[in-house]
Amino acid sequence: MDANLKAATARSLELAAAALRKNGFAAEVYPDGAAASAALLALAGSGKKIGLGGSVTLAELGLPEALAAAGNTVVTHKPGMPPEERRAVWLSALDSDIYLASPQAVTLDGKLLFVDGNGNRCAALTWGPRKTVLIAGVNKLARDQQEGLWRSRNVAAIANNIRLGKQNPCVKSGRCEDCASPQRICNAVTMLWKKPAASDVLVMLVNQPLGY
């Protein structure tokens, strides 16, 4: 990234972090994914139960493997799991020491937006895990809630549909069609306007594009 652009995006991330803190979240800004990963691994230590929401960001940073190698138990569903086994994994993740996920959008006024197909991640974000850590690259920044929803539906959702091999209408049109497809992955929305009262939430903002 160009040095001037990186300085400008760092400023935007700091503004978002300040707004998140005003809304009750803990929030930190990191210069790149390596710094954020190192901080998370130090926070997690070893011997923890770590729940993961489906996230390209976490995969890009290699965090599932790094956390397991550090001696943690990583709880996440895998492709092809039978429905009852997958449900058991989702319920187990709710009782994690640390739950990791990535929002589809972080607004400059300190809100966090998540769109899910099944709702398991939405459930974990509002209550359950002892600590929740949310990692977002600079590409997730949005001006406000409306822009964040647009981004979630017209950027993140389309990329995820392609990744998952879903032939939903948005893949063909390049925009959200608010479809009724049985393969639809945008069924549940969680917006964290403020930190949920019984939750401990840390938002890690990274000055590097990550995930969708």
N, C-alpha and C. Protein backbone atom coordinates (compact mmCIF):
# COMPACT_ATOMS: atom_id res chain seq x y z
N MET A 1 0.85 -1.19 0.00
CA MET A 1 0.00 0.00 0.00
C MET A 1 0.88 1.24 0.00
N ASP A 2 0.54 2.23 -0.80
CA ASP A 2 1.24 3.50 -0.84
C ASP A 2 1.31 4.10 0.57
N ALA A 3 2.48 4.69 0.91
CA ALA A 3 2.70 5.20 2.27
C ALA A 3 1.68 6.27 2.65
N ASN A 4 1.34 7.15 1.70
CA ASN A 4 0.38 8.21 2.01
C ASN A 4 -1.02 7.64 2.23
N LEU A 5 -1.39 6.67 1.40
CA LEU A 5 -2.69 6.03 1.58
C LEU A 5 -2.74 5.27 2.89
N LYS A 6 -1.63 4.61 3.23
CA LYS A 6 -1.58 3.86 4.49
C LYS A 6 -1.73 4.81 5.68
N ALA A 7 -1.13 5.98 5.60
CA ALA A 7 -1.28 6.96 6.68
C ALA A 7 -2.72 7.45 6.77
N ALA A 8 -3.36 7.63 5.61
CA ALA A 8 -4.75 8.09 5.61
C ALA A 8 -5.69 7.03 6.18
N THR A 9 -5.49 5.77 5.78
CA THR A 9 -6.35 4.71 6.30
C THR A 9 -6.10 4.46 7.78
N ALA A 10 -4.86 4.66 8.22
CA ALA A 10 -4.58 4.54 9.66
C ALA A 10 -5.39 5.56 10.45
N ARG A 11 -5.52 6.75 9.90
CA ARG A 11 -6.31 7.78 10.57
C ARG A 11 -7.77 7.37 10.65
N SER A 12 -8.29 6.83 9.55
CA SER A 12 -9.69 6.38 9.56
C SER A 12 -9.92 5.28 10.58
N LEU A 13 -8.96 4.36 10.68
CA LEU A 13 -9.07 3.27 11.65
C LEU A 13 -9.05 3.81 13.08
N GLU A 14 -8.22 4.81 13.33
CA GLU A 14 -8.16 5.40 14.67
C GLU A 14 -9.48 6.08 15.02
N LEU A 15 -10.09 6.74 14.03
CA LEU A 15 -11.39 7.36 14.27
C LEU A 15 -12.46 6.31 14.58
N ALA A 16 -12.43 5.21 13.82
CA ALA A 16 -13.39 4.12 14.07
C ALA A 16 -13.16 3.50 15.45
N ALA A 17 -11.88 3.33 15.82
CA ALA A 17 -11.55 2.76 17.13
C ALA A 17 -12.06 3.65 18.25
N ALA A 18 -11.89 4.96 18.10
CA ALA A 18 -12.38 5.89 19.13
C ALA A 18 -13.90 5.80 19.25
N ALA A 19 -14.58 5.68 18.12
CA ALA A 19 -16.05 5.57 18.15
C ALA A 19 -16.48 4.25 18.79
N LEU A 20 -15.76 3.17 18.49
CA LEU A 20 -16.06 1.88 19.11
C LEU A 20 -15.89 1.95 20.63
N ARG A 21 -14.84 2.60 21.08
CA ARG A 21 -14.62 2.73 22.53
C ARG A 21 -15.75 3.54 23.17
N LYS A 22 -16.19 4.58 22.49
CA LYS A 22 -17.31 5.38 22.98
C LYS A 22 -18.57 4.54 23.12
N ASN A 23 -18.69 3.51 22.27
CA ASN A 23 -19.85 2.62 22.31
C ASN A 23 -19.63 1.42 23.23
N GLY A 24 -18.56 1.43 24.01
CA GLY A 24 -18.37 0.42 25.04
C GLY A 24 -17.45 -0.72 24.70
N PHE A 25 -16.99 -0.79 23.44
CA PHE A 25 -16.09 -1.86 23.03
C PHE A 25 -14.65 -1.51 23.37
N ALA A 26 -13.83 -2.52 23.61
CA ALA A 26 -12.38 -2.32 23.59
C ALA A 26 -11.97 -2.35 22.13
N ALA A 27 -11.05 -1.49 21.71
CA ALA A 27 -10.66 -1.43 20.31
C ALA A 27 -9.20 -1.02 20.19
N GLU A 28 -8.48 -1.72 19.33
CA GLU A 28 -7.07 -1.43 19.08
C GLU A 28 -6.82 -1.43 17.57
N VAL A 29 -5.83 -0.64 17.14
CA VAL A 29 -5.45 -0.56 15.72
C VAL A 29 -4.06 -1.16 15.55
N TYR A 30 -3.90 -1.98 14.51
CA TYR A 30 -2.63 -2.65 14.23
C TYR A 30 -2.18 -2.30 12.82
N PRO A 31 -0.86 -2.15 12.60
CA PRO A 31 -0.37 -1.74 11.28
C PRO A 31 -0.53 -2.80 10.20
N ASP A 32 -0.59 -4.07 10.61
CA ASP A 32 -0.74 -5.14 9.62
C ASP A 32 -1.24 -6.41 10.30
N GLY A 33 -1.50 -7.42 9.47
CA GLY A 33 -2.04 -8.66 10.00
C GLY A 33 -1.09 -9.40 10.91
N ALA A 34 0.22 -9.29 10.63
CA ALA A 34 1.21 -9.97 11.47
C ALA A 34 1.17 -9.44 12.89
N ALA A 35 1.05 -8.11 13.03
CA ALA A 35 1.01 -7.51 14.36
C ALA A 35 -0.27 -7.89 15.09
N ALA A 36 -1.38 -7.91 14.38
CA ALA A 36 -2.66 -8.29 15.00
C ALA A 36 -2.63 -9.75 15.43
N SER A 37 -2.08 -10.62 14.57
CA SER A 37 -2.00 -12.05 14.91
C SER A 37 -1.14 -12.28 16.14
N ALA A 38 0.00 -11.59 16.21
CA ALA A 38 0.89 -11.75 17.35
C ALA A 38 0.19 -11.32 18.64
N ALA A 39 -0.56 -10.22 18.57
CA ALA A 39 -1.28 -9.74 19.75
C ALA A 39 -2.36 -10.73 20.18
N LEU A 40 -3.05 -11.30 19.21
CA LEU A 40 -4.10 -12.26 19.54
C LEU A 40 -3.53 -13.53 20.15
N LEU A 41 -2.43 -14.03 19.58
CA LEU A 41 -1.82 -15.24 20.11
C LEU A 41 -1.31 -15.01 21.53
N ALA A 42 -0.79 -13.82 21.80
CA ALA A 42 -0.34 -13.49 23.15
C ALA A 42 -1.53 -13.43 24.11
N LEU A 43 -2.64 -12.88 23.65
CA LEU A 43 -3.85 -12.80 24.47
C LEU A 43 -4.40 -14.19 24.77
N ALA A 44 -4.42 -15.04 23.77
CA ALA A 44 -5.01 -16.37 23.93
C ALA A 44 -4.14 -17.28 24.79
N GLY A 45 -2.83 -17.19 24.62
CA GLY A 45 -1.95 -18.10 25.35
C GLY A 45 -2.22 -19.54 24.93
N SER A 46 -2.30 -20.45 25.89
CA SER A 46 -2.55 -21.86 25.60
C SER A 46 -3.60 -22.41 26.56
N GLY A 47 -4.11 -23.57 26.22
CA GLY A 47 -5.06 -24.24 27.09
C GLY A 47 -6.46 -23.66 27.07
N LYS A 48 -6.77 -22.84 26.07
CA LYS A 48 -8.09 -22.23 25.98
C LYS A 48 -8.97 -22.99 24.98
N LYS A 49 -10.26 -22.82 25.15
CA LYS A 49 -11.22 -23.30 24.16
C LYS A 49 -11.58 -22.10 23.28
N ILE A 50 -11.23 -22.21 22.00
CA ILE A 50 -11.38 -21.10 21.07
C ILE A 50 -12.46 -21.44 20.05
N GLY A 51 -13.55 -20.69 20.05
CA GLY A 51 -14.60 -20.88 19.06
C GLY A 51 -14.35 -19.97 17.87
N LEU A 52 -14.62 -20.49 16.68
CA LEU A 52 -14.41 -19.70 15.47
C LEU A 52 -15.71 -19.57 14.69
N GLY A 53 -16.05 -18.34 14.30
CA GLY A 53 -17.10 -18.14 13.32
C GLY A 53 -16.47 -18.26 11.94
N GLY A 54 -17.24 -18.70 10.96
CA GLY A 54 -16.69 -18.80 9.61
C GLY A 54 -16.12 -17.47 9.18
N SER A 55 -14.82 -17.44 8.78
CA SER A 55 -14.17 -16.17 8.49
C SER A 55 -12.99 -16.36 7.56
N VAL A 56 -13.04 -15.70 6.42
CA VAL A 56 -11.89 -15.69 5.50
C VAL A 56 -10.73 -14.93 6.14
N THR A 57 -11.04 -13.88 6.91
CA THR A 57 -10.00 -13.10 7.58
C THR A 57 -9.15 -13.98 8.49
N LEU A 58 -9.80 -14.79 9.33
CA LEU A 58 -9.06 -15.66 10.24
C LEU A 58 -8.21 -16.66 9.47
N ALA A 59 -8.77 -17.18 8.37
CA ALA A 59 -8.03 -18.15 7.56
C ALA A 59 -6.82 -17.50 6.90
N GLU A 60 -6.99 -16.29 6.38
CA GLU A 60 -5.88 -15.60 5.73
C GLU A 60 -4.73 -15.36 6.70
N LEU A 61 -5.06 -15.10 7.96
CA LEU A 61 -4.02 -14.85 8.97
C LEU A 61 -3.44 -16.14 9.54
N GLY A 62 -4.00 -17.28 9.15
CA GLY A 62 -3.50 -18.56 9.65
C GLY A 62 -3.78 -18.79 11.12
N LEU A 63 -4.80 -18.13 11.65
CA LEU A 63 -5.03 -18.19 13.09
C LEU A 63 -5.56 -19.53 13.59
N PRO A 64 -6.44 -20.22 12.86
CA PRO A 64 -6.88 -21.53 13.38
C PRO A 64 -5.72 -22.47 13.64
N GLU A 65 -4.78 -22.54 12.69
CA GLU A 65 -3.63 -23.42 12.84
C GLU A 65 -2.68 -22.94 13.94
N ALA A 66 -2.46 -21.61 13.99
CA ALA A 66 -1.54 -21.06 14.99
C ALA A 66 -2.07 -21.24 16.40
N LEU A 67 -3.37 -21.06 16.58
CA LEU A 67 -3.96 -21.23 17.91
C LEU A 67 -3.90 -22.69 18.36
N ALA A 68 -4.16 -23.60 17.43
CA ALA A 68 -4.06 -25.03 17.76
C ALA A 68 -2.63 -25.41 18.09
N ALA A 69 -1.68 -24.89 17.33
CA ALA A 69 -0.27 -25.20 17.57
C ALA A 69 0.20 -24.68 18.92
N ALA A 70 -0.45 -23.61 19.41
CA ALA A 70 -0.09 -23.04 20.72
C ALA A 70 -0.70 -23.82 21.88
N GLY A 71 -1.46 -24.87 21.58
CA GLY A 71 -2.02 -25.70 22.64
C GLY A 71 -3.45 -25.37 23.01
N ASN A 72 -4.17 -24.71 22.12
CA ASN A 72 -5.57 -24.41 22.36
C ASN A 72 -6.47 -25.42 21.64
N THR A 73 -7.69 -25.57 22.11
CA THR A 73 -8.68 -26.40 21.44
C THR A 73 -9.54 -25.49 20.56
N VAL A 74 -9.45 -25.70 19.27
CA VAL A 74 -10.17 -24.86 18.31
C VAL A 74 -11.48 -25.53 17.93
N VAL A 75 -12.59 -24.84 18.15
CA VAL A 75 -13.92 -25.38 17.90
C VAL A 75 -14.53 -24.66 16.70
N THR A 76 -14.69 -25.38 15.59
CA THR A 76 -15.27 -24.78 14.40
C THR A 76 -15.87 -25.86 13.53
N HIS A 77 -16.93 -25.52 12.79
CA HIS A 77 -17.52 -26.50 11.90
C HIS A 77 -16.66 -26.65 10.64
N LYS A 78 -16.81 -27.79 9.98
CA LYS A 78 -16.05 -28.09 8.77
C LYS A 78 -17.01 -28.49 7.65
N PRO A 79 -16.62 -28.25 6.40
CA PRO A 79 -17.48 -28.66 5.29
C PRO A 79 -17.81 -30.15 5.35
N GLY A 80 -19.05 -30.48 5.06
CA GLY A 80 -19.45 -31.88 5.02
C GLY A 80 -19.86 -32.47 6.33
N MET A 81 -19.82 -31.69 7.41
CA MET A 81 -20.26 -32.21 8.71
C MET A 81 -21.74 -32.57 8.66
N PRO A 82 -22.14 -33.70 9.26
CA PRO A 82 -23.57 -34.00 9.39
C PRO A 82 -24.26 -32.90 10.19
N PRO A 83 -25.53 -32.62 9.91
CA PRO A 83 -26.23 -31.52 10.58
C PRO A 83 -26.18 -31.55 12.10
N GLU A 84 -26.35 -32.72 12.72
CA GLU A 84 -26.35 -32.78 14.18
C GLU A 84 -24.96 -32.54 14.75
N GLU A 85 -23.93 -33.00 14.07
CA GLU A 85 -22.56 -32.74 14.52
C GLU A 85 -22.24 -31.26 14.40
N ARG A 86 -22.67 -30.65 13.31
CA ARG A 86 -22.43 -29.22 13.13
C ARG A 86 -23.16 -28.41 14.20
N ARG A 87 -24.39 -28.81 14.51
CA ARG A 87 -25.15 -28.12 15.57
C ARG A 87 -24.43 -28.23 16.91
N ALA A 88 -23.88 -29.41 17.21
CA ALA A 88 -23.16 -29.61 18.46
C ALA A 88 -21.93 -28.71 18.53
N VAL A 89 -21.25 -28.55 17.40
CA VAL A 89 -20.07 -27.67 17.35
C VAL A 89 -20.49 -26.22 17.59
N TRP A 90 -21.58 -25.80 16.96
CA TRP A 90 -22.04 -24.42 17.15
C TRP A 90 -22.40 -24.16 18.61
N LEU A 91 -23.06 -25.10 19.25
CA LEU A 91 -23.43 -24.93 20.65
C LEU A 91 -22.19 -24.91 21.55
N SER A 92 -21.21 -25.74 21.22
CA SER A 92 -19.97 -25.76 21.98
C SER A 92 -19.23 -24.43 21.86
N ALA A 93 -19.24 -23.85 20.67
CA ALA A 93 -18.54 -22.58 20.44
C ALA A 93 -19.14 -21.46 21.28
N LEU A 94 -20.42 -21.54 21.60
CA LEU A 94 -21.06 -20.53 22.43
C LEU A 94 -20.44 -20.46 23.82
N ASP A 95 -19.86 -21.57 24.26
CA ASP A 95 -19.28 -21.64 25.60
C ASP A 95 -17.75 -21.56 25.55
N SER A 96 -17.23 -20.85 24.56
CA SER A 96 -15.78 -20.72 24.40
C SER A 96 -15.17 -19.76 25.42
N ASP A 97 -13.90 -19.97 25.69
CA ASP A 97 -13.14 -18.97 26.45
C ASP A 97 -12.97 -17.72 25.60
N ILE A 98 -12.68 -17.92 24.31
CA ILE A 98 -12.54 -16.81 23.36
C ILE A 98 -13.26 -17.21 22.08
N TYR A 99 -14.09 -16.31 21.57
CA TYR A 99 -14.76 -16.54 20.29
C TYR A 99 -14.22 -15.54 19.29
N LEU A 100 -13.80 -16.03 18.12
CA LEU A 100 -13.22 -15.18 17.09
C LEU A 100 -14.13 -15.09 15.88
N ALA A 101 -14.26 -13.90 15.34
CA ALA A 101 -15.05 -13.70 14.12
C ALA A 101 -14.57 -12.41 13.47
N SER A 102 -15.14 -12.14 12.30
CA SER A 102 -14.84 -10.89 11.60
C SER A 102 -16.15 -10.29 11.08
N PRO A 103 -16.38 -9.02 11.32
CA PRO A 103 -17.60 -8.39 10.80
C PRO A 103 -17.51 -8.16 9.30
N GLN A 104 -18.66 -8.02 8.66
CA GLN A 104 -18.66 -7.60 7.26
C GLN A 104 -18.46 -6.10 7.12
N ALA A 105 -18.75 -5.36 8.19
CA ALA A 105 -18.56 -3.91 8.13
C ALA A 105 -18.35 -3.35 9.53
N VAL A 106 -17.48 -2.34 9.59
CA VAL A 106 -17.24 -1.56 10.80
C VAL A 106 -17.49 -0.11 10.41
N THR A 107 -18.40 0.55 11.08
CA THR A 107 -18.72 1.92 10.68
C THR A 107 -17.85 2.94 11.42
N LEU A 108 -17.72 4.09 10.80
CA LEU A 108 -16.90 5.13 11.39
C LEU A 108 -17.51 5.71 12.66
N ASP A 109 -18.82 5.42 12.89
CA ASP A 109 -19.43 5.85 14.15
C ASP A 109 -19.52 4.70 15.16
N GLY A 110 -18.72 3.64 14.92
CA GLY A 110 -18.52 2.62 15.96
C GLY A 110 -19.56 1.53 16.04
N LYS A 111 -20.14 1.13 14.92
CA LYS A 111 -21.08 0.02 14.90
C LYS A 111 -20.46 -1.16 14.14
N LEU A 112 -20.93 -2.38 14.47
CA LEU A 112 -20.40 -3.60 13.87
C LEU A 112 -21.56 -4.35 13.23
N LEU A 113 -21.37 -4.79 11.98
CA LEU A 113 -22.44 -5.44 11.23
C LEU A 113 -22.01 -6.83 10.78
N PHE A 114 -22.92 -7.79 10.97
CA PHE A 114 -22.68 -9.18 10.61
C PHE A 114 -23.91 -9.73 9.89
N VAL A 115 -23.70 -10.45 8.80
CA VAL A 115 -24.78 -11.11 8.07
C VAL A 115 -24.46 -12.59 7.98
N ASP A 116 -25.41 -13.44 8.35
CA ASP A 116 -25.19 -14.89 8.40
C ASP A 116 -26.25 -15.66 7.64
N GLY A 117 -25.88 -16.85 7.24
CA GLY A 117 -26.83 -17.76 6.62
C GLY A 117 -27.58 -18.58 7.64
N ASN A 118 -26.87 -19.10 8.66
CA ASN A 118 -27.48 -19.98 9.66
C ASN A 118 -27.79 -19.28 10.97
N GLY A 119 -27.03 -18.24 11.31
CA GLY A 119 -27.28 -17.49 12.54
C GLY A 119 -26.44 -17.92 13.73
N ASN A 120 -25.62 -18.97 13.57
CA ASN A 120 -24.80 -19.43 14.70
C ASN A 120 -23.82 -18.35 15.15
N ARG A 121 -23.21 -17.67 14.19
CA ARG A 121 -22.26 -16.61 14.55
C ARG A 121 -23.01 -15.43 15.16
N CYS A 122 -24.16 -15.09 14.61
CA CYS A 122 -24.97 -14.00 15.17
C CYS A 122 -25.29 -14.27 16.63
N ALA A 123 -25.62 -15.53 16.95
CA ALA A 123 -25.95 -15.89 18.32
C ALA A 123 -24.75 -15.69 19.25
N ALA A 124 -23.58 -16.12 18.81
CA ALA A 124 -22.38 -16.04 19.66
C ALA A 124 -21.94 -14.60 19.88
N LEU A 125 -22.27 -13.72 18.96
CA LEU A 125 -21.82 -12.33 19.06
C LEU A 125 -22.59 -11.53 20.11
N THR A 126 -23.77 -12.00 20.47
CA THR A 126 -24.57 -11.23 21.42
C THR A 126 -24.43 -11.72 22.86
N TRP A 127 -24.14 -13.02 23.04
CA TRP A 127 -23.97 -13.55 24.40
C TRP A 127 -23.44 -14.97 24.34
N GLY A 128 -22.65 -15.35 25.34
CA GLY A 128 -22.20 -16.74 25.45
C GLY A 128 -20.72 -16.86 25.74
N PRO A 129 -19.86 -16.57 24.77
CA PRO A 129 -18.42 -16.72 25.01
C PRO A 129 -17.93 -15.80 26.13
N ARG A 130 -16.89 -16.25 26.82
CA ARG A 130 -16.34 -15.43 27.90
C ARG A 130 -15.68 -14.17 27.36
N LYS A 131 -15.09 -14.26 26.19
CA LYS A 131 -14.50 -13.10 25.53
C LYS A 131 -14.69 -13.25 24.03
N THR A 132 -15.02 -12.16 23.37
CA THR A 132 -15.17 -12.16 21.92
C THR A 132 -14.14 -11.22 21.32
N VAL A 133 -13.42 -11.70 20.32
CA VAL A 133 -12.43 -10.88 19.62
C VAL A 133 -12.83 -10.82 18.15
N LEU A 134 -12.98 -9.61 17.65
CA LEU A 134 -13.41 -9.39 16.27
C LEU A 134 -12.29 -8.71 15.50
N ILE A 135 -11.87 -9.32 14.42
CA ILE A 135 -10.75 -8.81 13.63
C ILE A 135 -11.27 -8.30 12.30
N ALA A 136 -10.91 -7.06 11.94
CA ALA A 136 -11.40 -6.48 10.69
C ALA A 136 -10.28 -5.73 9.98
N GLY A 137 -10.11 -6.04 8.70
CA GLY A 137 -9.17 -5.29 7.87
C GLY A 137 -9.76 -3.95 7.49
N VAL A 138 -8.90 -3.08 6.97
CA VAL A 138 -9.31 -1.72 6.63
C VAL A 138 -10.37 -1.70 5.54
N ASN A 139 -10.44 -2.76 4.73
CA ASN A 139 -11.46 -2.84 3.69
C ASN A 139 -12.87 -2.95 4.24
N LYS A 140 -13.01 -3.27 5.53
CA LYS A 140 -14.34 -3.41 6.13
C LYS A 140 -14.94 -2.08 6.60
N LEU A 141 -14.17 -1.00 6.53
CA LEU A 141 -14.68 0.28 7.01
C LEU A 141 -15.83 0.77 6.14
N ALA A 142 -16.86 1.32 6.78
CA ALA A 142 -17.99 1.92 6.09
C ALA A 142 -18.36 3.21 6.80
N ARG A 143 -18.95 4.12 6.06
CA ARG A 143 -19.26 5.43 6.64
C ARG A 143 -20.28 5.33 7.77
N ASP A 144 -21.35 4.54 7.54
CA ASP A 144 -22.42 4.46 8.52
C ASP A 144 -23.14 3.13 8.37
N GLN A 145 -24.20 2.94 9.15
CA GLN A 145 -24.93 1.68 9.14
C GLN A 145 -25.48 1.34 7.74
N GLN A 146 -26.03 2.33 7.06
CA GLN A 146 -26.60 2.08 5.74
C GLN A 146 -25.52 1.61 4.76
N GLU A 147 -24.40 2.29 4.75
CA GLU A 147 -23.31 1.88 3.86
C GLU A 147 -22.75 0.52 4.27
N GLY A 148 -22.72 0.26 5.58
CA GLY A 148 -22.24 -1.03 6.06
C GLY A 148 -23.12 -2.17 5.59
N LEU A 149 -24.44 -1.97 5.62
CA LEU A 149 -25.36 -2.99 5.13
C LEU A 149 -25.18 -3.19 3.62
N TRP A 150 -25.02 -2.10 2.89
CA TRP A 150 -24.79 -2.21 1.45
C TRP A 150 -23.54 -3.02 1.18
N ARG A 151 -22.48 -2.72 1.92
CA ARG A 151 -21.23 -3.45 1.73
C ARG A 151 -21.41 -4.94 2.04
N SER A 152 -22.09 -5.22 3.13
CA SER A 152 -22.30 -6.61 3.54
C SER A 152 -23.02 -7.41 2.46
N ARG A 153 -24.01 -6.79 1.82
CA ARG A 153 -24.85 -7.49 0.86
C ARG A 153 -24.27 -7.50 -0.55
N ASN A 154 -23.54 -6.44 -0.93
CA ASN A 154 -23.11 -6.29 -2.31
C ASN A 154 -21.63 -6.51 -2.54
N VAL A 155 -20.87 -6.65 -1.47
CA VAL A 155 -19.44 -6.95 -1.59
C VAL A 155 -19.15 -8.28 -0.92
N ALA A 156 -19.31 -8.33 0.40
CA ALA A 156 -18.95 -9.53 1.15
C ALA A 156 -19.80 -10.73 0.75
N ALA A 157 -21.11 -10.55 0.63
CA ALA A 157 -21.98 -11.69 0.34
C ALA A 157 -21.70 -12.29 -1.03
N ILE A 158 -21.46 -11.44 -2.01
CA ILE A 158 -21.21 -11.97 -3.36
C ILE A 158 -19.91 -12.75 -3.39
N ALA A 159 -18.86 -12.20 -2.77
CA ALA A 159 -17.58 -12.92 -2.72
C ALA A 159 -17.73 -14.25 -1.98
N ASN A 160 -18.48 -14.25 -0.89
CA ASN A 160 -18.67 -15.50 -0.14
C ASN A 160 -19.52 -16.51 -0.91
N ASN A 161 -20.51 -16.05 -1.66
CA ASN A 161 -21.27 -16.95 -2.51
C ASN A 161 -20.37 -17.64 -3.52
N ILE A 162 -19.48 -16.88 -4.12
CA ILE A 162 -18.54 -17.45 -5.10
C ILE A 162 -17.61 -18.45 -4.42
N ARG A 163 -17.10 -18.07 -3.24
CA ARG A 163 -16.20 -18.96 -2.49
C ARG A 163 -16.88 -20.28 -2.14
N LEU A 164 -18.14 -20.22 -1.79
CA LEU A 164 -18.88 -21.41 -1.35
C LEU A 164 -19.53 -22.16 -2.51
N GLY A 165 -19.37 -21.65 -3.71
CA GLY A 165 -19.96 -22.33 -4.86
C GLY A 165 -21.47 -22.22 -4.92
N LYS A 166 -22.03 -21.16 -4.35
CA LYS A 166 -23.48 -20.96 -4.34
C LYS A 166 -23.89 -20.19 -5.60
N GLN A 167 -24.82 -20.75 -6.35
CA GLN A 167 -25.28 -20.10 -7.57
C GLN A 167 -26.52 -19.24 -7.30
N ASN A 168 -26.37 -18.31 -6.38
CA ASN A 168 -27.46 -17.40 -6.06
C ASN A 168 -27.51 -16.26 -7.07
N PRO A 169 -28.66 -15.59 -7.18
CA PRO A 169 -28.81 -14.55 -8.21
C PRO A 169 -27.76 -13.46 -8.18
N CYS A 170 -27.27 -13.10 -7.00
CA CYS A 170 -26.29 -12.01 -6.90
C CYS A 170 -24.98 -12.35 -7.61
N VAL A 171 -24.66 -13.64 -7.71
CA VAL A 171 -23.42 -14.04 -8.38
C VAL A 171 -23.49 -13.68 -9.86
N LYS A 172 -24.67 -13.80 -10.44
CA LYS A 172 -24.84 -13.49 -11.86
C LYS A 172 -25.00 -12.00 -12.12
N SER A 173 -25.74 -11.32 -11.23
CA SER A 173 -26.03 -9.90 -11.48
C SER A 173 -24.95 -8.97 -10.93
N GLY A 174 -24.16 -9.45 -9.95
CA GLY A 174 -23.14 -8.61 -9.33
C GLY A 174 -23.69 -7.65 -8.29
N ARG A 175 -24.93 -7.88 -7.86
CA ARG A 175 -25.52 -7.05 -6.82
C ARG A 175 -26.56 -7.88 -6.06
N CYS A 176 -26.85 -7.45 -4.82
CA CYS A 176 -27.86 -8.16 -4.03
C CYS A 176 -29.22 -8.07 -4.70
N GLU A 177 -29.88 -9.24 -4.83
CA GLU A 177 -31.22 -9.29 -5.42
C GLU A 177 -32.30 -9.57 -4.37
N ASP A 178 -31.91 -9.60 -3.09
CA ASP A 178 -32.83 -9.94 -2.01
C ASP A 178 -33.64 -11.18 -2.39
N CYS A 179 -32.91 -12.23 -2.75
CA CYS A 179 -33.50 -13.42 -3.35
C CYS A 179 -34.23 -14.29 -2.32
N ALA A 180 -34.95 -15.26 -2.85
CA ALA A 180 -35.61 -16.28 -2.02
C ALA A 180 -35.00 -17.64 -2.31
N SER A 181 -33.75 -17.66 -2.72
CA SER A 181 -33.07 -18.90 -3.07
C SER A 181 -32.91 -19.79 -1.84
N PRO A 182 -33.10 -21.11 -1.99
CA PRO A 182 -32.86 -22.03 -0.86
C PRO A 182 -31.39 -22.07 -0.44
N GLN A 183 -30.51 -21.58 -1.30
CA GLN A 183 -29.07 -21.52 -0.97
C GLN A 183 -28.66 -20.16 -0.41
N ARG A 184 -29.60 -19.29 -0.20
CA ARG A 184 -29.29 -17.93 0.27
C ARG A 184 -28.43 -17.97 1.53
N ILE A 185 -27.42 -17.10 1.59
CA ILE A 185 -26.53 -17.06 2.76
C ILE A 185 -26.73 -15.79 3.59
N CYS A 186 -27.70 -14.95 3.22
CA CYS A 186 -27.96 -13.72 3.95
C CYS A 186 -29.33 -13.81 4.61
N ASN A 187 -29.41 -14.52 5.71
CA ASN A 187 -30.69 -14.76 6.37
C ASN A 187 -30.84 -14.06 7.72
N ALA A 188 -29.73 -13.78 8.37
CA ALA A 188 -29.77 -13.18 9.71
C ALA A 188 -28.77 -12.04 9.78
N VAL A 189 -29.18 -10.96 10.40
CA VAL A 189 -28.32 -9.78 10.56
C VAL A 189 -28.16 -9.46 12.04
N THR A 190 -26.93 -9.26 12.47
CA THR A 190 -26.66 -8.76 13.82
C THR A 190 -25.95 -7.42 13.68
N MET A 191 -26.49 -6.39 14.34
CA MET A 191 -25.83 -5.09 14.39
C MET A 191 -25.52 -4.79 15.84
N LEU A 192 -24.26 -4.66 16.15
CA LEU A 192 -23.87 -4.28 17.51
C LEU A 192 -23.72 -2.76 17.54
N TRP A 193 -24.77 -2.09 18.01
CA TRP A 193 -24.72 -0.64 18.13
C TRP A 193 -23.85 -0.23 19.31
N LYS A 194 -23.98 -0.98 20.40
CA LYS A 194 -23.16 -0.79 21.60
C LYS A 194 -22.71 -2.17 22.05
N LYS A 195 -21.74 -2.24 22.95
CA LYS A 195 -21.31 -3.53 23.47
C LYS A 195 -22.43 -4.15 24.28
N PRO A 196 -22.80 -5.42 23.97
CA PRO A 196 -23.80 -6.09 24.80
C PRO A 196 -23.35 -6.11 26.27
N ALA A 197 -24.27 -5.85 27.17
CA ALA A 197 -23.93 -5.60 28.58
C ALA A 197 -23.17 -6.74 29.24
N ALA A 198 -23.50 -7.99 28.90
CA ALA A 198 -22.87 -9.13 29.58
C ALA A 198 -21.70 -9.71 28.80
N SER A 199 -21.24 -9.02 27.76
CA SER A 199 -20.17 -9.54 26.90
C SER A 199 -18.90 -8.71 27.04
N ASP A 200 -17.77 -9.38 26.84
CA ASP A 200 -16.45 -8.75 26.83
C ASP A 200 -15.97 -8.79 25.38
N VAL A 201 -15.94 -7.64 24.71
CA VAL A 201 -15.67 -7.61 23.27
C VAL A 201 -14.47 -6.72 22.97
N LEU A 202 -13.51 -7.30 22.25
CA LEU A 202 -12.35 -6.57 21.75
C LEU A 202 -12.40 -6.54 20.23
N VAL A 203 -12.27 -5.36 19.64
CA VAL A 203 -12.23 -5.21 18.19
C VAL A 203 -10.80 -4.87 17.79
N MET A 204 -10.23 -5.68 16.91
CA MET A 204 -8.87 -5.48 16.40
C MET A 204 -8.98 -4.98 14.96
N LEU A 205 -8.63 -3.72 14.75
CA LEU A 205 -8.68 -3.11 13.42
C LEU A 205 -7.30 -3.14 12.80
N VAL A 206 -7.22 -3.60 11.56
CA VAL A 206 -5.93 -3.86 10.92
C VAL A 206 -5.78 -3.01 9.66
N ASN A 207 -4.67 -2.30 9.55
CA ASN A 207 -4.43 -1.42 8.41
C ASN A 207 -3.90 -2.20 7.21
N GLN A 208 -4.72 -3.18 6.81
CA GLN A 208 -4.40 -4.08 5.70
C GLN A 208 -5.72 -4.70 5.25
N PRO A 209 -5.95 -4.83 3.96
CA PRO A 209 -7.18 -5.50 3.52
C PRO A 209 -7.15 -6.97 3.94
N LEU A 210 -8.24 -7.43 4.52
CA LEU A 210 -8.36 -8.83 4.97
C LEU A 210 -9.77 -9.32 4.71
N GLY A 211 -9.89 -10.52 4.17
CA GLY A 211 -11.19 -11.15 3.99
C GLY A 211 -12.09 -10.36 3.06
N TYR A 212 -13.39 -10.60 3.20
CA TYR A 212 -14.39 -9.96 2.33
C TYR A 212 -15.21 -8.93 3.07
